């Protein structure tokens, strides 16, 4: 299991939000991969936070599975902003877990 990183988890959730807003614009395109990129970012966010909070990881997983069950039409129903807020609050109470990313990256 990788090291947890609150910054990385929030970044992946933010990217999932942006991409989820683009999914409807490509609904008829059979080769569009916005949906799968969104799924991938949710999976990455889940993996990044697992060691710090299995609860938050589970909530991210619920959103990912909800999207996968609903398909592309479910992108509008994702509740990710509250998860970013939860991770931000976790970063405040767990300052050593704020980042494992080197400053040069």
PDB file of N, CA and C in Angstrom:
ATOM      1  N   UNK A   1       0.854  -1.183   0.000  1.00  0.00           N
ATOM      2  CA  UNK A   1       0.000   0.000   0.000  1.00  0.00           C
ATOM      3  C   UNK A   1       0.898   1.243   0.000  1.00  0.00           C
ATOM      4  N   UNK A   2       0.555   2.211  -0.815  1.00  0.00           N
ATOM      5  CA  UNK A   2       1.360   3.424  -0.929  1.00  0.00           C
ATOM      6  C   UNK A   2       1.203   4.307   0.313  1.00  0.00           C
ATOM      7  N   UNK A   3       2.107   5.255   0.436  1.00  0.00           N
ATOM      8  CA  UNK A   3       2.008   6.235   1.517  1.00  0.00           C
ATOM      9  C   UNK A   3       0.804   7.128   1.262  1.00  0.00           C
ATOM     10  N   UNK A   4       0.187   7.568   2.323  1.00  0.00           N
ATOM     11  CA  UNK A   4      -0.955   8.462   2.177  1.00  0.00           C
ATOM     12  C   UNK A   4      -0.485   9.901   1.990  1.00  0.00           C
ATOM     13  N   UNK A   5      -1.237  10.638   1.221  1.00  0.00           N
ATOM     14  CA  UNK A   5      -0.912  12.035   0.955  1.00  0.00           C
ATOM     15  C   UNK A   5      -2.219  12.802   0.808  1.00  0.00           C
ATOM     16  N   UNK A   6      -2.499  13.675   1.756  1.00  0.00           N
ATOM     17  CA  UNK A   6      -3.754  14.426   1.695  1.00  0.00           C
ATOM     18  C   UNK A   6      -3.788  15.365   0.492  1.00  0.00           C
ATOM     19  N   UNK A   7      -2.646  15.950   0.152  1.00  0.00           N
ATOM     20  CA  UNK A   7      -2.611  16.840  -1.008  1.00  0.00           C
ATOM     21  C   UNK A   7      -2.929  16.079  -2.290  1.00  0.00           C
ATOM     22  N   UNK A   8      -2.349  14.897  -2.419  1.00  0.00           N
ATOM     23  CA  UNK A   8      -2.595  14.087  -3.619  1.00  0.00           C
ATOM     24  C   UNK A   8      -4.049  13.637  -3.687  1.00  0.00           C
ATOM     25  N   UNK A   9      -4.607  13.229  -2.553  1.00  0.00           N
ATOM     26  CA  UNK A   9      -6.006  12.797  -2.528  1.00  0.00           C
ATOM     27  C   UNK A   9      -6.924  13.938  -2.941  1.00  0.00           C
ATOM     28  N   UNK A  10      -6.680  15.139  -2.399  1.00  0.00           N
ATOM     29  CA  UNK A  10      -7.509  16.290  -2.773  1.00  0.00           C
ATOM     30  C   UNK A  10      -7.338  16.634  -4.241  1.00  0.00           C
ATOM     31  N   UNK A  11      -6.114  16.540  -4.737  1.00  0.00           N
ATOM     32  CA  UNK A  11      -5.849  16.822  -6.156  1.00  0.00           C
ATOM     33  C   UNK A  11      -6.640  15.873  -7.048  1.00  0.00           C
ATOM     34  N   UNK A  12      -6.618  14.585  -6.721  1.00  0.00           N
ATOM     35  CA  UNK A  12      -7.342  13.606  -7.543  1.00  0.00           C
ATOM     36  C   UNK A  12      -8.853  13.833  -7.478  1.00  0.00           C
ATOM     37  N   UNK A  13      -9.365  14.172  -6.306  1.00  0.00           N
ATOM     38  CA  UNK A  13     -10.797  14.469  -6.196  1.00  0.00           C
ATOM     39  C   UNK A  13     -11.161  15.709  -7.005  1.00  0.00           C
ATOM     40  N   UNK A  14     -10.313  16.736  -6.940  1.00  0.00           N
ATOM     41  CA  UNK A  14     -10.573  17.957  -7.713  1.00  0.00           C
ATOM     42  C   UNK A  14     -10.554  17.660  -9.213  1.00  0.00           C
ATOM     43  N   UNK A  15      -9.623  16.820  -9.642  1.00  0.00           N
ATOM     44  CA  UNK A  15      -9.568  16.454 -11.053  1.00  0.00           C
ATOM     45  C   UNK A  15     -10.817  15.661 -11.451  1.00  0.00           C
ATOM     46  N   UNK A  16     -11.281  14.795 -10.559  1.00  0.00           N
ATOM     47  CA  UNK A  16     -12.501  14.028 -10.840  1.00  0.00           C
ATOM     48  C   UNK A  16     -13.695  14.964 -10.986  1.00  0.00           C
ATOM     49  N   UNK A  17     -13.749  16.014 -10.168  1.00  0.00           N
ATOM     50  CA  UNK A  17     -14.843  16.987 -10.277  1.00  0.00           C
ATOM     51  C   UNK A  17     -14.818  17.663 -11.641  1.00  0.00           C
ATOM     52  N   UNK A  18     -13.660  18.150 -12.043  1.00  0.00           N
ATOM     53  CA  UNK A  18     -13.539  18.844 -13.330  1.00  0.00           C
ATOM     54  C   UNK A  18     -13.935  17.909 -14.474  1.00  0.00           C
ATOM     55  N   UNK A  19     -13.404  16.708 -14.458  1.00  0.00           N
ATOM     56  CA  UNK A  19     -13.691  15.761 -15.540  1.00  0.00           C
ATOM     57  C   UNK A  19     -15.152  15.341 -15.536  1.00  0.00           C
ATOM     58  N   UNK A  20     -15.734  15.169 -14.347  1.00  0.00           N
ATOM     59  CA  UNK A  20     -17.143  14.762 -14.284  1.00  0.00           C
ATOM     60  C   UNK A  20     -18.057  15.809 -14.909  1.00  0.00           C
ATOM     61  N   UNK A  21     -17.646  17.069 -14.856  1.00  0.00           N
ATOM     62  CA  UNK A  21     -18.444  18.135 -15.470  1.00  0.00           C
ATOM     63  C   UNK A  21     -18.339  18.105 -16.993  1.00  0.00           C
ATOM     64  N   UNK A  22     -17.283  17.497 -17.514  1.00  0.00           N
ATOM     65  CA  UNK A  22     -17.092  17.422 -18.960  1.00  0.00           C
ATOM     66  C   UNK A  22     -17.767  16.200 -19.572  1.00  0.00           C
ATOM     67  N   UNK A  23     -18.054  15.178 -18.768  1.00  0.00           N
ATOM     68  CA  UNK A  23     -18.619  13.928 -19.288  1.00  0.00           C
ATOM     69  C   UNK A  23     -19.885  14.155 -20.116  1.00  0.00           C
ATOM     70  N   UNK A  24     -20.838  14.973 -19.655  1.00  0.00           N
ATOM     71  CA  UNK A  24     -22.073  15.147 -20.450  1.00  0.00           C
ATOM     72  C   UNK A  24     -21.847  15.706 -21.855  1.00  0.00           C
ATOM     73  N   UNK A  25     -20.781  16.482 -22.039  1.00  0.00           N
ATOM     74  CA  UNK A  25     -20.517  17.080 -23.337  1.00  0.00           C
ATOM     75  C   UNK A  25     -20.046  16.059 -24.366  1.00  0.00           C
ATOM     76  N   UNK A  26     -19.615  14.897 -23.888  1.00  0.00           N
ATOM     77  CA  UNK A  26     -19.091  13.863 -24.780  1.00  0.00           C
ATOM     78  C   UNK A  26     -19.959  12.602 -24.746  1.00  0.00           C
ATOM     79  N   UNK A  27     -21.196  12.732 -24.293  1.00  0.00           N
ATOM     80  CA  UNK A  27     -22.080  11.582 -24.068  1.00  0.00           C
ATOM     81  C   UNK A  27     -22.255  10.708 -25.308  1.00  0.00           C
ATOM     82  N   UNK A  28     -22.310  11.285 -26.481  1.00  0.00           N
ATOM     83  CA  UNK A  28     -22.532  10.497 -27.687  1.00  0.00           C
ATOM     84  C   UNK A  28     -21.272   9.977 -28.346  1.00  0.00           C
ATOM     85  N   UNK A  29     -20.128  10.324 -27.808  1.00  0.00           N
ATOM     86  CA  UNK A  29     -18.852   9.945 -28.410  1.00  0.00           C
ATOM     87  C   UNK A  29     -18.430   8.570 -27.894  1.00  0.00           C
ATOM     88  N   UNK A  30     -18.426   7.549 -28.742  1.00  0.00           N
ATOM     89  CA  UNK A  30     -18.110   6.190 -28.276  1.00  0.00           C
ATOM     90  C   UNK A  30     -16.651   5.995 -27.861  1.00  0.00           C
ATOM     91  N   UNK A  31     -15.770   6.874 -28.278  1.00  0.00           N
ATOM     92  CA  UNK A  31     -14.361   6.709 -27.912  1.00  0.00           C
ATOM     93  C   UNK A  31     -13.908   7.669 -26.815  1.00  0.00           C
ATOM     94  N   UNK A  32     -14.831   8.447 -26.282  1.00  0.00           N
ATOM     95  CA  UNK A  32     -14.473   9.380 -25.215  1.00  0.00           C
ATOM     96  C   UNK A  32     -14.107   8.619 -23.951  1.00  0.00           C
ATOM     97  N   UNK A  33     -13.063   9.072 -23.274  1.00  0.00           N
ATOM     98  CA  UNK A  33     -12.631   8.369 -22.066  1.00  0.00           C
ATOM     99  C   UNK A  33     -12.738   9.218 -20.798  1.00  0.00           C
ATOM    100  N   UNK A  34     -13.451  10.336 -20.832  1.00  0.00           N
ATOM    101  CA  UNK A  34     -13.599  11.175 -19.638  1.00  0.00           C
ATOM    102  C   UNK A  34     -14.161  10.381 -18.463  1.00  0.00           C
ATOM    103  N   UNK A  35     -15.134   9.539 -18.731  1.00  0.00           N
ATOM    104  CA  UNK A  35     -15.753   8.707 -17.696  1.00  0.00           C
ATOM    105  C   UNK A  35     -14.707   7.844 -16.992  1.00  0.00           C
ATOM    106  N   UNK A  36     -13.884   7.163 -17.782  1.00  0.00           N
ATOM    107  CA  UNK A  36     -12.886   6.260 -17.195  1.00  0.00           C
ATOM    108  C   UNK A  36     -11.766   7.020 -16.499  1.00  0.00           C
ATOM    109  N   UNK A  37     -11.420   8.180 -17.012  1.00  0.00           N
ATOM    110  CA  UNK A  37     -10.417   9.002 -16.328  1.00  0.00           C
ATOM    111  C   UNK A  37     -10.959   9.452 -14.976  1.00  0.00           C
ATOM    112  N   UNK A  38     -12.231   9.796 -14.919  1.00  0.00           N
ATOM    113  CA  UNK A  38     -12.866  10.187 -13.660  1.00  0.00           C
ATOM    114  C   UNK A  38     -12.834   9.012 -12.671  1.00  0.00           C
ATOM    115  N   UNK A  39     -13.187   7.826 -13.148  1.00  0.00           N
ATOM    116  CA  UNK A  39     -13.139   6.620 -12.310  1.00  0.00           C
ATOM    117  C   UNK A  39     -11.715   6.425 -11.781  1.00  0.00           C
ATOM    118  N   UNK A  40     -10.740   6.597 -12.647  1.00  0.00           N
ATOM    119  CA  UNK A  40      -9.335   6.426 -12.255  1.00  0.00           C
ATOM    120  C   UNK A  40      -8.900   7.414 -11.191  1.00  0.00           C
ATOM    121  N   UNK A  41      -9.318   8.672 -11.321  1.00  0.00           N
ATOM    122  CA  UNK A  41      -8.962   9.671 -10.314  1.00  0.00           C
ATOM    123  C   UNK A  41      -9.605   9.358  -8.971  1.00  0.00           C
ATOM    124  N   UNK A  42     -10.828   8.862  -8.991  1.00  0.00           N
ATOM    125  CA  UNK A  42     -11.472   8.474  -7.729  1.00  0.00           C
ATOM    126  C   UNK A  42     -10.722   7.313  -7.079  1.00  0.00           C
ATOM    127  N   UNK A  43     -10.289   6.347  -7.882  1.00  0.00           N
ATOM    128  CA  UNK A  43      -9.527   5.217  -7.345  1.00  0.00           C
ATOM    129  C   UNK A  43      -8.193   5.681  -6.769  1.00  0.00           C
ATOM    130  N   UNK A  44      -7.548   6.614  -7.435  1.00  0.00           N
ATOM    131  CA  UNK A  44      -6.280   7.149  -6.942  1.00  0.00           C
ATOM    132  C   UNK A  44      -6.476   7.908  -5.629  1.00  0.00           C
ATOM    133  N   UNK A  45      -7.520   8.711  -5.544  1.00  0.00           N
ATOM    134  CA  UNK A  45      -7.805   9.453  -4.309  1.00  0.00           C
ATOM    135  C   UNK A  45      -8.046   8.481  -3.161  1.00  0.00           C
ATOM    136  N   UNK A  46      -8.792   7.429  -3.436  1.00  0.00           N
ATOM    137  CA  UNK A  46      -9.063   6.408  -2.427  1.00  0.00           C
ATOM    138  C   UNK A  46      -7.761   5.778  -1.927  1.00  0.00           C
ATOM    139  N   UNK A  47      -6.882   5.421  -2.839  1.00  0.00           N
ATOM    140  CA  UNK A  47      -5.613   4.804  -2.467  1.00  0.00           C
ATOM    141  C   UNK A  47      -4.722   5.774  -1.685  1.00  0.00           C
ATOM    142  N   UNK A  48      -4.759   7.054  -2.052  1.00  0.00           N
ATOM    143  CA  UNK A  48      -3.903   8.043  -1.402  1.00  0.00           C
ATOM    144  C   UNK A  48      -4.299   8.308   0.048  1.00  0.00           C
ATOM    145  N   UNK A  49      -5.543   8.093   0.413  1.00  0.00           N
ATOM    146  CA  UNK A  49      -6.004   8.457   1.758  1.00  0.00           C
ATOM    147  C   UNK A  49      -6.214   7.232   2.652  1.00  0.00           C
ATOM    148  N   UNK A  50      -6.120   6.041   2.096  1.00  0.00           N
ATOM    149  CA  UNK A  50      -6.448   4.810   2.810  1.00  0.00           C
ATOM    150  C   UNK A  50      -5.740   4.665   4.158  1.00  0.00           C
ATOM    151  N   UNK A  51      -4.445   4.913   4.218  1.00  0.00           N
ATOM    152  CA  UNK A  51      -3.692   4.738   5.476  1.00  0.00           C
ATOM    153  C   UNK A  51      -4.086   5.755   6.540  1.00  0.00           C
ATOM    154  N   UNK A  52      -4.510   6.934   6.120  1.00  0.00           N
ATOM    155  CA  UNK A  52      -4.862   7.982   7.079  1.00  0.00           C
ATOM    156  C   UNK A  52      -6.295   7.881   7.562  1.00  0.00           C
ATOM    157  N   UNK A  53      -7.191   7.473   6.673  1.00  0.00           N
ATOM    158  CA  UNK A  53      -8.599   7.396   7.055  1.00  0.00           C
ATOM    159  C   UNK A  53      -9.321   6.373   6.186  1.00  0.00           C
ATOM    160  N   UNK A  54      -9.536   5.211   6.760  1.00  0.00           N
ATOM    161  CA  UNK A  54     -10.271   4.190   6.011  1.00  0.00           C
ATOM    162  C   UNK A  54     -11.721   4.631   5.801  1.00  0.00           C
ATOM    163  N   UNK A  55     -12.218   5.482   6.706  1.00  0.00           N
ATOM    164  CA  UNK A  55     -13.586   5.992   6.545  1.00  0.00           C
ATOM    165  C   UNK A  55     -13.697   6.853   5.287  1.00  0.00           C
ATOM    166  N   UNK A  56     -12.790   7.826   5.145  1.00  0.00           N
ATOM    167  CA  UNK A  56     -12.835   8.694   3.963  1.00  0.00           C
ATOM    168  C   UNK A  56     -12.578   7.871   2.705  1.00  0.00           C
ATOM    169  N   UNK A  57     -11.640   6.936   2.775  1.00  0.00           N
ATOM    170  CA  UNK A  57     -11.382   6.064   1.621  1.00  0.00           C
ATOM    171  C   UNK A  57     -12.654   5.313   1.241  1.00  0.00           C
ATOM    172  N   UNK A  58     -13.386   4.850   2.230  1.00  0.00           N
ATOM    173  CA  UNK A  58     -14.636   4.146   1.969  1.00  0.00           C
ATOM    174  C   UNK A  58     -15.688   5.033   1.341  1.00  0.00           C
ATOM    175  N   UNK A  59     -15.733   6.299   1.766  1.00  0.00           N
ATOM    176  CA  UNK A  59     -16.681   7.247   1.187  1.00  0.00           C
ATOM    177  C   UNK A  59     -16.335   7.550  -0.273  1.00  0.00           C
ATOM    178  N   UNK A  60     -15.052   7.666  -0.566  1.00  0.00           N
ATOM    179  CA  UNK A  60     -14.622   7.873  -1.950  1.00  0.00           C
ATOM    180  C   UNK A  60     -14.995   6.646  -2.779  1.00  0.00           C
ATOM    181  N   UNK A  61     -14.764   5.466  -2.217  1.00  0.00           N
ATOM    182  CA  UNK A  61     -15.109   4.225  -2.908  1.00  0.00           C
ATOM    183  C   UNK A  61     -16.606   4.179  -3.211  1.00  0.00           C
ATOM    184  N   UNK A  62     -17.438   4.586  -2.266  1.00  0.00           N
ATOM    185  CA  UNK A  62     -18.886   4.608  -2.494  1.00  0.00           C
ATOM    186  C   UNK A  62     -19.235   5.488  -3.696  1.00  0.00           C
ATOM    187  N   UNK A  63     -18.592   6.657  -3.782  1.00  0.00           N
ATOM    188  CA  UNK A  63     -18.858   7.559  -4.907  1.00  0.00           C
ATOM    189  C   UNK A  63     -18.403   6.930  -6.221  1.00  0.00           C
ATOM    190  N   UNK A  64     -17.242   6.277  -6.189  1.00  0.00           N
ATOM    191  CA  UNK A  64     -16.727   5.616  -7.403  1.00  0.00           C
ATOM    192  C   UNK A  64     -17.675   4.506  -7.853  1.00  0.00           C
ATOM    193  N   UNK A  65     -18.100   3.677  -6.922  1.00  0.00           N
ATOM    194  CA  UNK A  65     -19.000   2.573  -7.268  1.00  0.00           C
ATOM    195  C   UNK A  65     -20.367   3.086  -7.718  1.00  0.00           C
ATOM    196  N   UNK A  66     -20.815   4.203  -7.108  1.00  0.00           N
ATOM    197  CA  UNK A  66     -22.075   4.814  -7.516  1.00  0.00           C
ATOM    198  C   UNK A  66     -21.985   5.269  -8.972  1.00  0.00           C
ATOM    199  N   UNK A  67     -20.857   5.895  -9.325  1.00  0.00           N
ATOM    200  CA  UNK A  67     -20.653   6.343 -10.700  1.00  0.00           C
ATOM    201  C   UNK A  67     -20.577   5.149 -11.644  1.00  0.00           C
ATOM    202  N   UNK A  68     -19.862   4.114 -11.247  1.00  0.00           N
ATOM    203  CA  UNK A  68     -19.731   2.944 -12.109  1.00  0.00           C
ATOM    204  C   UNK A  68     -21.085   2.267 -12.328  1.00  0.00           C
ATOM    205  N   UNK A  69     -21.931   2.236 -11.309  1.00  0.00           N
ATOM    206  CA  UNK A  69     -23.251   1.615 -11.440  1.00  0.00           C
ATOM    207  C   UNK A  69     -24.170   2.451 -12.326  1.00  0.00           C
ATOM    208  N   UNK A  70     -24.037   3.771 -12.250  1.00  0.00           N
ATOM    209  CA  UNK A  70     -24.917   4.667 -13.006  1.00  0.00           C
ATOM    210  C   UNK A  70     -24.420   4.917 -14.424  1.00  0.00           C
ATOM    211  N   UNK A  71     -23.152   4.682 -14.651  1.00  0.00           N
ATOM    212  CA  UNK A  71     -22.586   4.979 -15.963  1.00  0.00           C
ATOM    213  C   UNK A  71     -22.350   6.470 -16.122  1.00  0.00           C
ATOM    214  N   UNK A  72     -22.130   6.878 -17.353  1.00  0.00           N
ATOM    215  CA  UNK A  72     -21.808   8.279 -17.631  1.00  0.00           C
ATOM    216  C   UNK A  72     -22.867   9.251 -17.122  1.00  0.00           C
ATOM    217  N   UNK A  73     -24.116   8.813 -17.081  1.00  0.00           N
ATOM    218  CA  UNK A  73     -25.194   9.695 -16.619  1.00  0.00           C
ATOM    219  C   UNK A  73     -25.099   9.991 -15.126  1.00  0.00           C
ATOM    220  N   UNK A  74     -24.336   9.200 -14.372  1.00  0.00           N
ATOM    221  CA  UNK A  74     -24.227   9.403 -12.935  1.00  0.00           C
ATOM    222  C   UNK A  74     -23.212  10.433 -12.516  1.00  0.00           C
ATOM    223  N   UNK A  75     -22.466  10.990 -13.460  1.00  0.00           N
ATOM    224  CA  UNK A  75     -21.403  11.937 -13.125  1.00  0.00           C
ATOM    225  C   UNK A  75     -21.926  13.180 -12.425  1.00  0.00           C
ATOM    226  N   UNK A  76     -23.115  13.611 -12.772  1.00  0.00           N
ATOM    227  CA  UNK A  76     -23.673  14.824 -12.169  1.00  0.00           C
ATOM    228  C   UNK A  76     -24.043  14.627 -10.706  1.00  0.00           C
ATOM    229  N   UNK A  77     -24.169  13.375 -10.280  1.00  0.00           N
ATOM    230  CA  UNK A  77     -24.608  13.085  -8.917  1.00  0.00           C
ATOM    231  C   UNK A  77     -23.464  12.864  -7.925  1.00  0.00           C
ATOM    232  N   UNK A  78     -22.233  13.046  -8.361  1.00  0.00           N
ATOM    233  CA  UNK A  78     -21.106  12.822  -7.453  1.00  0.00           C
ATOM    234  C   UNK A  78     -21.063  13.884  -6.360  1.00  0.00           C
ATOM    235  N   UNK A  79     -20.766  13.457  -5.146  1.00  0.00           N
ATOM    236  CA  UNK A  79     -20.656  14.375  -3.996  1.00  0.00           C
ATOM    237  C   UNK A  79     -19.203  14.393  -3.545  1.00  0.00           C
ATOM    238  N   UNK A  80     -18.382  15.132  -4.251  1.00  0.00           N
ATOM    239  CA  UNK A  80     -16.943  15.105  -3.982  1.00  0.00           C
ATOM    240  C   UNK A  80     -16.434  16.303  -3.199  1.00  0.00           C
ATOM    241  N   UNK A  81     -17.112  17.431  -3.272  1.00  0.00           N
ATOM    242  CA  UNK A  81     -16.649  18.617  -2.548  1.00  0.00           C
ATOM    243  C   UNK A  81     -16.579  18.366  -1.054  1.00  0.00           C
ATOM    244  N   UNK A  82     -17.563  17.662  -0.525  1.00  0.00           N
ATOM    245  CA  UNK A  82     -17.548  17.379   0.914  1.00  0.00           C
ATOM    246  C   UNK A  82     -16.391  16.448   1.286  1.00  0.00           C
ATOM    247  N   UNK A  83     -15.998  15.581   0.370  1.00  0.00           N
ATOM    248  CA  UNK A  83     -14.861  14.701   0.638  1.00  0.00           C
ATOM    249  C   UNK A  83     -13.558  15.487   0.660  1.00  0.00           C
ATOM    250  N   UNK A  84     -13.429  16.458  -0.227  1.00  0.00           N
ATOM    251  CA  UNK A  84     -12.242  17.323  -0.206  1.00  0.00           C
ATOM    252  C   UNK A  84     -12.183  18.067   1.130  1.00  0.00           C
ATOM    253  N   UNK A  85     -13.319  18.545   1.592  1.00  0.00           N
ATOM    254  CA  UNK A  85     -13.379  19.244   2.878  1.00  0.00           C
ATOM    255  C   UNK A  85     -12.974  18.318   4.026  1.00  0.00           C
ATOM    256  N   UNK A  86     -13.451  17.093   3.998  1.00  0.00           N
ATOM    257  CA  UNK A  86     -13.090  16.125   5.041  1.00  0.00           C
ATOM    258  C   UNK A  86     -11.581  15.879   5.063  1.00  0.00           C
ATOM    259  N   UNK A  87     -10.980  15.761   3.891  1.00  0.00           N
ATOM    260  CA  UNK A  87      -9.535  15.537   3.816  1.00  0.00           C
ATOM    261  C   UNK A  87      -8.782  16.777   4.289  1.00  0.00           C
ATOM    262  N   UNK A  88      -9.279  17.958   3.962  1.00  0.00           N
ATOM    263  CA  UNK A  88      -8.648  19.196   4.436  1.00  0.00           C
ATOM    264  C   UNK A  88      -8.669  19.255   5.952  1.00  0.00           C
ATOM    265  N   UNK A  89      -9.784  18.867   6.554  1.00  0.00           N
ATOM    266  CA  UNK A  89      -9.873  18.839   8.014  1.00  0.00           C
ATOM    267  C   UNK A  89      -8.924  17.802   8.602  1.00  0.00           C
ATOM    268  N   UNK A  90      -8.789  16.665   7.933  1.00  0.00           N
ATOM    269  CA  UNK A  90      -7.848  15.632   8.379  1.00  0.00           C
ATOM    270  C   UNK A  90      -6.412  16.151   8.321  1.00  0.00           C
ATOM    271  N   UNK A  91      -6.094  16.909   7.295  1.00  0.00           N
ATOM    272  CA  UNK A  91      -4.740  17.446   7.142  1.00  0.00           C
ATOM    273  C   UNK A  91      -4.395  18.399   8.285  1.00  0.00           C
ATOM    274  N   UNK A  92      -5.398  19.108   8.791  1.00  0.00           N
ATOM    275  CA  UNK A  92      -5.165  20.041   9.901  1.00  0.00           C
ATOM    276  C   UNK A  92      -4.840  19.281  11.183  1.00  0.00           C
ATOM    277  N   UNK A  93      -5.556  18.196  11.441  1.00  0.00           N
ATOM    278  CA  UNK A  93      -5.329  17.444  12.679  1.00  0.00           C
ATOM    279  C   UNK A  93      -4.193  16.428  12.557  1.00  0.00           C
ATOM    280  N   UNK A  94      -3.740  16.172  11.334  1.00  0.00           N
ATOM    281  CA  UNK A  94      -2.642  15.246  11.090  1.00  0.00           C
ATOM    282  C   UNK A  94      -1.600  15.950  10.227  1.00  0.00           C
ATOM    283  N   UNK A  95      -0.918  16.974  10.770  1.00  0.00           N
ATOM    284  CA  UNK A  95      -0.038  17.801   9.933  1.00  0.00           C
ATOM    285  C   UNK A  95       1.103  17.037   9.265  1.00  0.00           C
ATOM    286  N   UNK A  96       1.569  15.955   9.859  1.00  0.00           N
ATOM    287  CA  UNK A  96       2.663  15.209   9.242  1.00  0.00           C
ATOM    288  C   UNK A  96       2.202  14.475   7.993  1.00  0.00           C
ATOM    289  N   UNK A  97       0.892  14.351   7.809  1.00  0.00           N
ATOM    290  CA  UNK A  97       0.370  13.632   6.660  1.00  0.00           C
ATOM    291  C   UNK A  97      -0.035  14.565   5.529  1.00  0.00           C
ATOM    292  N   UNK A  98       0.256  15.840   5.683  1.00  0.00           N
ATOM    293  CA  UNK A  98      -0.177  16.811   4.670  1.00  0.00           C
ATOM    294  C   UNK A  98       0.419  16.496   3.326  1.00  0.00           C
ATOM    295  N   UNK A  99       1.673  16.078   3.281  1.00  0.00           N
ATOM    296  CA  UNK A  99       2.263  15.790   1.994  1.00  0.00           C
ATOM    297  C   UNK A  99       3.439  14.839   2.123  1.00  0.00           C
ATOM    298  N   UNK A 100       3.505  13.926   1.190  1.00  0.00           N
ATOM    299  CA  UNK A 100       4.699  13.091   1.055  1.00  0.00           C
ATOM    300  C   UNK A 100       5.360  13.389  -0.281  1.00  0.00           C
ATOM    301  N   UNK A 101       4.894  14.434  -0.932  1.00  0.00           N
ATOM    302  CA  UNK A 101       5.445  14.832  -2.235  1.00  0.00           C
ATOM    303  C   UNK A 101       6.608  15.791  -1.992  1.00  0.00           C
ATOM    304  N   UNK A 102       7.757  15.503  -2.572  1.00  0.00           N
ATOM    305  CA  UNK A 102       8.903  16.417  -2.421  1.00  0.00           C
ATOM    306  C   UNK A 102       8.554  17.812  -2.923  1.00  0.00           C
ATOM    307  N   UNK A 103       9.107  18.822  -2.298  1.00  0.00           N
ATOM    308  CA  UNK A 103       8.817  20.217  -2.647  1.00  0.00           C
ATOM    309  C   UNK A 103       9.184  20.535  -4.089  1.00  0.00           C
ATOM    310  N   UNK A 104      10.112  19.819  -4.673  1.00  0.00           N
ATOM    311  CA  UNK A 104      10.548  20.104  -6.031  1.00  0.00           C
ATOM    312  C   UNK A 104       9.573  19.604  -7.088  1.00  0.00           C
ATOM    313  N   UNK A 105       8.557  18.842  -6.714  1.00  0.00           N
ATOM    314  CA  UNK A 105       7.623  18.291  -7.712  1.00  0.00           C
ATOM    315  C   UNK A 105       6.504  19.230  -7.995  1.00  0.00           C
TER     316      UNK A 105
END
